[in-house]
Amino acid sequence: MSRTPGKSATGAAAVRSAPSLANGPVCPAPITTVDRVQLGHGSGGKMSAALVAERFWPKLQNDALGKFADASVVQVSGGEIAVSTDTFVVQPIEFPGGNIGSLAVNGTLNDLAMMGARPVCLTAGFVLEEGLSFDVLDRVIDAMAAACREAGVPVVAGDTKVVERGKADGLYVNTTGVGVFDDALRPAPHRATVGDVILVSGPLARHGMAVMAFREGLAFESEITSDSACLVPLVQQLRMFGADVHVLRDPTRGGAASALNEIAQSSNVGVEIDESSIPVPSDVRAACEMLGLDPLYVANEGVLIAFVSSEIAVQALHQIRRHPLGSHAVVLGRVVAEHPRMVVLRNALGGTRVVDLLPGDQLPRIC
């Protein structure tokens, strides 16, 4: 419940409706006046926000949960710790560039890192479906173990449940992470400031399109692979800039568009991004066009967005590029005083359109 709307929870701020897209057709919003959960409630968009704000938050609210960041900050004897949890239901379980095991480790460690925390340990819970192949299970556990070794973060507790055939699509995984803070780096969703420069560490939309292309059996000239990776080393590259790093976010479910909207709303600022600066690989762009998808809304699992003060933006970009995960980092946009709580895309001709939160789900079961 410590997660953003792009993951598994959201804040009341994200529930407030943003303006509709200014240009072009949009898909009709799903029907939300129902008495049952719909797939769109897991989208990371407006339906997710409403689900949490109307159902979970009124009954579970507390100070730690109320920050609505990637991880909750919990007071303990002698200081603070970061805690984050996530449940992974990606379908298929294995995809080009990873599987549900490595994805679960990387996703949870990344959420801790986006708060400036250094991950200490993980827990893992497994829901196994009767009939799951041991070969598949072994590959998932091997990938999870390899990701933990690479990050230097152990799984210290776990649980396994088995359900009847047809009840779990093979395998679900829940991971919870614990991290510790230092005073060098404490980004937060509400710290975006007018004048900030927005950096993105690499190409967008790879994970979502890798999963979708593999799921649907789509063939392209080159195989699209997930960008799933642990971002802790990349955050370490930014630690030297301390308080000048205002916000960090990994734009997972709901993509960069949802992450930017959440930050704009939390900080009550306007966000402008430049269309020509959006980094999307050509094969991913072609796949998005084939399926009628906007890459700004497609999930990523190995990319971070950083809001940094203009004074250190050039140095921060250079520092990110020094790490292999950030070698293709670019300036995505800036924070402005105009149109607070809105994200606007500016094209090469000077025209603009609003980049809104989606009401429902573009790509279900991506993470």
Foldseek 3Di string as FASTA:
>chain_A
DLADLLAQAHAPLQLPFDDDKPDDDDDDFDDDPDDDDDLFCNQSFNNVHCCCVPPPCVVPPDDQSNQSALWGWDDDVPGIKTKHKHKAQFPPQDFFAGGVQLLQQQQQLQSCVQQVFQWAEKAKEKEFEPPADVVVVVRSVVNNVVQCVVSVYYHDYYYYHYDYHPPRNGMMMMMMIMTHHDQQAGAGLQQFDAQWWKKKQAAFQQLQLRSVCVNVVPDDPDRRHALAHHCNVLSVLVSNVGVQFHGKDASFRQAQLSSVLSSLSSNQWEWEFEPVFRHHDPVSVVSCVVLVHDRRRHGHNLMMMITGHPVCVVVSLVSSCVDPSRVPMDTTTGIHRPPGSWYWYAYPVGDIITRTGRSGHPGGSSD
